C-alpha cells in the first residue's frame, strides 16, 4: 500500500494512507482535508500538487491537478435543503447561487441579506402565480411567482450551506387569528404595507399574507426576499384586532402576528371595507 498527500501553496492540505496499488496505480476517493482552504462561505478554485510514499518518510511527486471548483459551507449542508424536494441532493446550482450572491452584494450586512437581495434581483414577483416546479427554477418563470416561492428558494439556498432558516408568515392579528377586511371582491385582506412597485405588484399593495425568512443564527434576522431587505414591511392599513374591530392607518402599526404557517381557517372576517378600491 501507499500513502498519498495533497499540497496546496506548499502546505499539506489533505492526507490518506493505506491505498492499495493495482496495476501500478492507486486510486482514492473522499480524501479529507486537514484544514479548510477558505474561511467563509465561498467558491475557490485551487490547483494541487500530489505526492506519494511507501514509508511516509520519503515522498515523490506524482503530478498536479486543477484548478478544482470547490464550495465551502458554513456548516454541513442541511438536507433535504428544499422542503418541497424530499431528495437529499446538494445541488451545484444552490452553491453557485450563494457564492455569487456574496460576491455581487458585498455591501450587504451578512450572507443571508445578500441572498435576499439576489433572490429579489433574479426572481420576478407576482401575487397571483405560484411556482409549478422546483424552487431553483424560479428565475425562469416569466409570469413571476408569489412570496412563498421566493421564501422557499431562499431557505433552500441557506440550508444548502448549513445555515438554518424557515418561513414565517406575516399577518395582522392577535391571539393566533388573522383579522381580515375587504378590498373589492377580495375579503381576505390582512393589511396594506408601504412598499415600492415590484415587478407585477403595485406599490403599497394589499396583502392576504406575506412570507418572510427567519435566520436565527444571524441576530435572529427576519428577511424579505421579495423586496430584498431586512425586516418586515411597514403597515399603513390594518384592522385593530379588538372588539369592535376598526380600520386604522399608521406608519408603525403595533399589532402583528408572525405564524409558522398560514391558513385562512385561522381568520376573523370583519365587515370592514378598504377605501382604496
Protein backbone atom coordinates (compact mmCIF):
# COMPACT_ATOMS: atom_id res chain seq x y z
CA UNK A 1 0.00 0.00 0.00
CA UNK A 2 0.95 3.67 -0.35
CA UNK A 3 0.16 6.93 1.37
CA UNK A 4 -0.95 9.98 -0.55
CA UNK A 5 -0.80 13.64 0.35
CA UNK A 6 -2.05 16.74 -1.35
CA UNK A 7 -0.15 20.05 -1.23
CA UNK A 8 -1.64 23.49 -1.71
CA UNK A 9 0.63 26.54 -1.70
CA UNK A 10 3.40 24.34 -0.33
CA UNK A 11 1.36 23.18 2.66
CA UNK A 12 -0.11 19.73 3.30
CA UNK A 13 -3.83 20.19 2.75
CA UNK A 14 -5.01 16.55 2.75
CA UNK A 15 -3.62 13.11 3.57
CA UNK A 16 -4.67 9.50 3.17
CA UNK A 17 -2.84 6.25 3.92
CA UNK A 18 -3.30 2.55 3.15
CA UNK A 19 -4.19 2.85 -0.53
CA UNK A 20 -3.80 -0.44 -2.43
CA UNK A 21 -1.72 -0.45 -5.61
CA UNK A 22 -3.30 -2.23 -8.58
CA UNK A 23 -1.53 -2.43 -11.93
CA UNK A 24 0.97 0.19 -10.90
CA UNK A 25 -1.65 2.76 -9.85
CA UNK A 26 -3.55 3.73 -6.72
CA UNK A 27 -6.96 5.37 -6.52
CA UNK A 28 -8.56 7.38 -3.72
CA UNK A 29 -11.98 8.87 -3.14
CA UNK A 30 -13.34 11.14 -0.44
CA UNK A 31 -9.99 12.40 0.77
CA UNK A 32 -10.41 14.54 3.89
CA UNK A 33 -8.86 17.97 4.13
CA UNK A 34 -6.75 18.71 7.20
CA UNK A 35 -7.66 22.38 7.10
CA UNK A 36 -10.21 24.42 5.13
CA UNK A 37 -8.94 26.33 2.12
CA UNK A 38 -11.38 29.16 2.83
CA UNK A 39 -12.69 30.86 5.95
CA UNK A 40 -16.03 31.99 4.57
CA UNK A 41 -18.94 30.61 2.55
CA UNK A 42 -17.44 30.90 -0.91
CA UNK A 43 -16.12 29.24 -4.06
CA UNK A 44 -12.41 28.55 -4.51
CA UNK A 45 -10.51 27.16 -7.49
CA UNK A 46 -7.23 25.73 -6.19
CA UNK A 47 -4.56 23.75 -8.02
CA UNK A 48 -2.99 20.86 -6.09
CA UNK A 49 0.36 19.07 -6.10
CA UNK A 50 0.20 15.33 -5.30
CA UNK A 51 2.85 13.22 -3.59
CA UNK A 52 3.04 9.53 -2.65
CA UNK A 53 5.13 7.50 -0.21
CA UNK A 54 5.67 3.87 0.78
CA UNK A 55 7.02 4.66 4.26
CA UNK A 56 5.75 8.23 4.98
CA UNK A 57 9.37 9.40 5.28
CA UNK A 58 10.30 9.69 1.64
CA UNK A 59 7.84 11.40 -0.70
CA UNK A 60 7.76 11.53 -4.50
CA UNK A 61 5.79 13.93 -6.67
CA UNK A 62 3.17 12.22 -8.83
CA UNK A 63 1.69 15.17 -10.66
CA UNK A 64 -0.64 18.12 -10.31
CA UNK A 65 -4.35 18.68 -10.85
CA UNK A 66 -6.71 21.58 -11.10
CA UNK A 67 -7.98 24.11 -10.94
CA UNK A 68 -10.75 22.44 -8.94
CA UNK A 69 -14.03 24.24 -8.31
CA UNK A 70 -14.74 23.83 -4.58
CA UNK A 71 -17.55 25.24 -2.46
CA UNK A 72 -17.11 25.92 1.24
CA UNK A 73 -20.14 25.98 3.51
CA UNK A 74 -20.70 27.43 6.97
CA UNK A 75 -21.52 24.02 8.45
CA UNK A 76 -22.61 20.70 6.97
CA UNK A 77 -25.45 21.20 4.46
CA UNK A 78 -28.91 20.57 5.89
CA UNK A 79 -30.51 18.03 3.57
CA UNK A 80 -33.02 17.93 2.13
CA UNK A 81 -32.50 21.65 1.72
CA UNK A 82 -35.82 22.30 0.00
CA UNK A 83 -38.92 21.02 1.82
CA UNK A 84 -40.77 20.53 -1.49
CA UNK A 85 -37.91 18.30 -2.71
CA UNK A 86 -37.52 15.27 -0.40
CA UNK A 87 -34.34 14.04 -2.08
CA UNK A 88 -31.16 14.55 -0.05
CA UNK A 89 -29.39 16.14 -3.02
CA UNK A 90 -26.96 19.02 -2.66
CA UNK A 91 -27.33 20.99 -5.91
CA UNK A 92 -24.38 22.75 -7.54
CA UNK A 93 -26.85 25.44 -8.60
CA UNK A 94 -27.59 26.22 -4.95
CA UNK A 95 -23.91 26.59 -4.11
CA UNK A 96 -23.37 28.79 -7.17
CA UNK A 97 -26.31 31.00 -6.12
CA UNK A 98 -24.85 31.53 -2.67
CA UNK A 99 -21.27 32.23 -3.74
CA UNK A 100 -22.41 34.62 -6.49
CA UNK A 101 -24.72 36.43 -4.06
CA UNK A 102 -21.84 37.05 -1.68
CA UNK A 103 -19.67 38.48 -4.48
CA UNK A 104 -22.45 40.56 -6.05
CA UNK A 105 -23.77 42.22 -2.88
CA UNK A 106 -20.61 42.94 -0.91
CA UNK A 107 -22.31 45.81 0.94
CA UNK A 108 -24.97 43.51 2.45
CA UNK A 109 -24.96 43.22 6.24
CA UNK A 110 -24.38 39.46 6.11
CA UNK A 111 -24.68 36.48 3.78
CA UNK A 112 -28.45 35.92 4.29
CA UNK A 113 -29.04 39.60 3.48
CA UNK A 114 -27.01 39.20 0.28
CA UNK A 115 -29.05 36.13 -0.68
CA UNK A 116 -32.31 38.01 -0.07
CA UNK A 117 -31.15 40.72 -2.45
CA UNK A 118 -30.06 38.15 -5.03
CA UNK A 119 -33.47 36.45 -4.95
CA UNK A 120 -35.15 39.83 -5.41
CA UNK A 121 -32.87 40.63 -8.36
CA UNK A 122 -33.30 37.30 -10.17
CA UNK A 123 -36.89 36.25 -9.43
CA UNK A 124 -39.98 38.13 -10.61
CA UNK A 125 -42.76 38.82 -8.10
CA UNK A 126 -46.45 38.22 -8.71
CA UNK A 127 -49.25 37.91 -6.20
CA UNK A 128 -51.27 35.55 -8.42
CA UNK A 129 -48.88 32.88 -9.74
CA UNK A 130 -47.17 30.00 -7.96
CA UNK A 131 -44.00 28.18 -8.93
CA UNK A 132 -45.12 24.87 -10.52
CA UNK A 133 -41.65 23.31 -10.34
CA UNK A 134 -38.51 23.18 -8.23
CA UNK A 135 -37.56 26.35 -6.28
CA UNK A 136 -34.30 26.57 -8.25
CA UNK A 137 -36.41 27.06 -11.41
CA UNK A 138 -37.83 30.31 -10.04
CA UNK A 139 -35.70 32.73 -12.12
CA UNK A 140 -37.03 31.16 -15.33
CA UNK A 141 -40.72 31.88 -14.66
CA UNK A 142 -41.70 34.95 -16.73
CA UNK A 143 -45.07 35.47 -15.04
CA UNK A 144 -43.47 35.99 -11.63
CA UNK A 145 -44.25 33.95 -8.51
CA UNK A 146 -45.70 34.54 -5.06
CA UNK A 147 -43.82 35.48 -1.91
CA UNK A 148 -43.94 31.92 -0.53
CA UNK A 149 -41.97 30.72 -3.54
CA UNK A 150 -39.35 33.42 -3.01
CA UNK A 151 -39.05 32.31 0.61
CA UNK A 152 -38.84 28.61 -0.33
CA UNK A 153 -35.94 29.38 -2.64
CA UNK A 154 -34.12 31.47 -0.04
CA UNK A 155 -34.47 28.94 2.77
CA UNK A 156 -33.23 26.17 0.47
CA UNK A 157 -30.18 28.21 -0.50
CA UNK A 158 -29.34 28.93 3.12
CA UNK A 159 -29.79 25.33 4.22
CA UNK A 160 -27.57 24.20 1.34
CA UNK A 161 -24.62 25.95 3.02
CA UNK A 162 -25.54 24.87 6.55
CA UNK A 163 -27.47 27.95 7.71
CA UNK A 164 -30.75 27.12 9.43
CA UNK A 165 -33.78 29.14 8.34
CA UNK A 166 -37.51 28.81 7.99
CA UNK A 167 -40.52 30.65 6.57
CA UNK A 168 -42.68 32.84 8.76
CA UNK A 169 -45.92 34.36 7.53
CA UNK A 170 -46.73 37.95 8.32
CA UNK A 171 -50.38 38.68 9.03
CA UNK A 172 -52.17 41.31 11.05
CA UNK A 173 -53.82 39.77 14.06
CA UNK A 174 -53.83 38.74 17.67
CA UNK A 175 -54.29 35.55 19.64
CA UNK A 176 -53.29 33.35 16.72
CA UNK A 177 -56.02 34.81 14.49
CA UNK A 178 -55.61 36.97 11.39
CA UNK A 179 -58.08 39.84 11.17
CA UNK A 180 -59.30 40.49 7.65
CA UNK A 181 -61.21 43.08 5.69
CA UNK A 182 -62.40 43.56 2.11
CA UNK A 183 -60.90 45.29 -0.90
CA UNK A 184 -63.17 44.98 -3.93
CA UNK A 185 -64.05 41.28 -4.33
CA UNK A 186 -61.24 40.13 -2.05
CA UNK A 187 -62.40 39.58 1.51
CA UNK A 188 -59.10 38.07 2.68
CA UNK A 189 -57.04 41.27 3.03
CA UNK A 190 -54.90 41.26 6.17
CA UNK A 191 -53.03 44.55 5.81
CA UNK A 192 -51.69 47.16 3.43
CA UNK A 193 -47.97 47.91 3.53
CA UNK A 194 -45.61 50.66 2.42
CA UNK A 195 -43.51 49.15 -0.39
CA UNK A 196 -42.23 50.19 -3.78
CA UNK A 197 -43.56 48.73 -7.02
CA UNK A 198 -42.01 45.30 -7.51
CA UNK A 199 -42.33 43.62 -10.91
CA UNK A 200 -46.04 42.75 -11.38
CA UNK A 201 -47.23 44.07 -8.00
CA UNK A 202 -48.15 47.72 -7.48
CA UNK A 203 -46.66 49.96 -4.85
CA UNK A 204 -48.27 49.97 -1.38
CA UNK A 205 -50.19 46.75 -2.10
CA UNK A 206 -52.81 44.96 -0.03
CA UNK A 207 -51.64 41.62 1.38
CA UNK A 208 -53.50 38.46 2.35
CA UNK A 209 -50.21 37.45 3.98
CA UNK A 210 -46.52 37.96 3.30
CA UNK A 211 -43.85 35.27 3.57
CA UNK A 212 -40.56 36.20 5.25
CA UNK A 213 -37.47 34.18 6.16
CA UNK A 214 -36.21 33.82 9.73
CA UNK A 215 -32.44 33.26 10.20
CA UNK A 216 -31.87 32.63 13.93
CA UNK A 217 -28.07 32.46 13.75
CA UNK A 218 -27.80 35.92 12.19
CA UNK A 219 -29.07 38.04 15.10
CA UNK A 220 -32.45 36.35 14.62
CA UNK A 221 -32.84 38.29 11.38
CA UNK A 222 -36.15 38.43 9.55
CA UNK A 223 -35.52 38.89 5.83
CA UNK A 224 -37.76 39.67 2.87
CA UNK A 225 -36.55 38.04 -0.38
CA UNK A 226 -39.34 39.69 -2.41
CA UNK A 227 -38.15 43.22 -1.65
CA UNK A 228 -34.55 42.31 -0.86
CA UNK A 229 -34.40 43.81 2.60
CA UNK A 230 -34.19 43.03 6.28
CA UNK A 231 -37.27 43.30 8.48
CA UNK A 232 -40.97 43.37 7.79
CA UNK A 233 -42.71 45.97 5.62
CA UNK A 234 -44.38 48.85 7.43
CA UNK A 235 -48.13 48.52 7.88
CA UNK A 236 -50.11 51.52 6.61
CA UNK A 237 -53.57 49.96 6.95
CA UNK A 238 -54.93 47.10 9.02
CA UNK A 239 -57.74 46.06 11.32
CA UNK A 240 -57.36 46.78 15.02
CA UNK A 241 -57.97 43.24 16.34
CA UNK A 242 -60.16 44.13 19.28
CA UNK A 243 -63.93 44.43 19.57
CA UNK A 244 -65.38 46.28 17.84
CA UNK A 245 -62.80 45.97 15.05
CA UNK A 246 -61.95 49.08 13.08
CA UNK A 247 -59.52 50.05 10.32
CA UNK A 248 -56.53 52.14 11.23
CA UNK A 249 -53.55 53.62 9.44
CA UNK A 250 -50.14 54.04 10.99
CA UNK A 251 -46.52 54.21 9.92
CA UNK A 252 -45.66 51.92 12.84
CA UNK A 253 -48.69 49.70 13.30
CA UNK A 254 -48.05 47.87 16.58
CA UNK A 255 -50.22 44.78 16.24
CA UNK A 256 -48.86 41.99 14.11
CA UNK A 257 -48.66 38.24 14.29
CA UNK A 258 -45.88 36.03 12.96
CA UNK A 259 -47.02 32.46 12.37
CA UNK A 260 -45.00 29.42 11.36
CA UNK A 261 -47.63 28.53 8.80
CA UNK A 262 -50.54 30.21 7.03
CA UNK A 263 -54.15 29.10 6.89
CA UNK A 264 -57.29 31.05 6.06
CA UNK A 265 -59.08 28.98 8.70
CA UNK A 266 -57.19 31.00 11.31
CA UNK A 267 -59.02 34.16 10.28
CA UNK A 268 -61.59 36.56 11.69
CA UNK A 269 -63.58 38.15 8.87
CA UNK A 270 -64.89 41.64 9.55
CA UNK A 271 -67.40 43.70 7.59
CA UNK A 272 -64.82 46.44 7.11
CA UNK A 273 -64.06 47.68 3.61
CA UNK A 274 -60.87 49.30 2.36
CA UNK A 275 -61.23 52.81 0.96
CA UNK A 276 -58.60 52.06 -1.73
CA UNK A 277 -60.79 50.33 -4.31
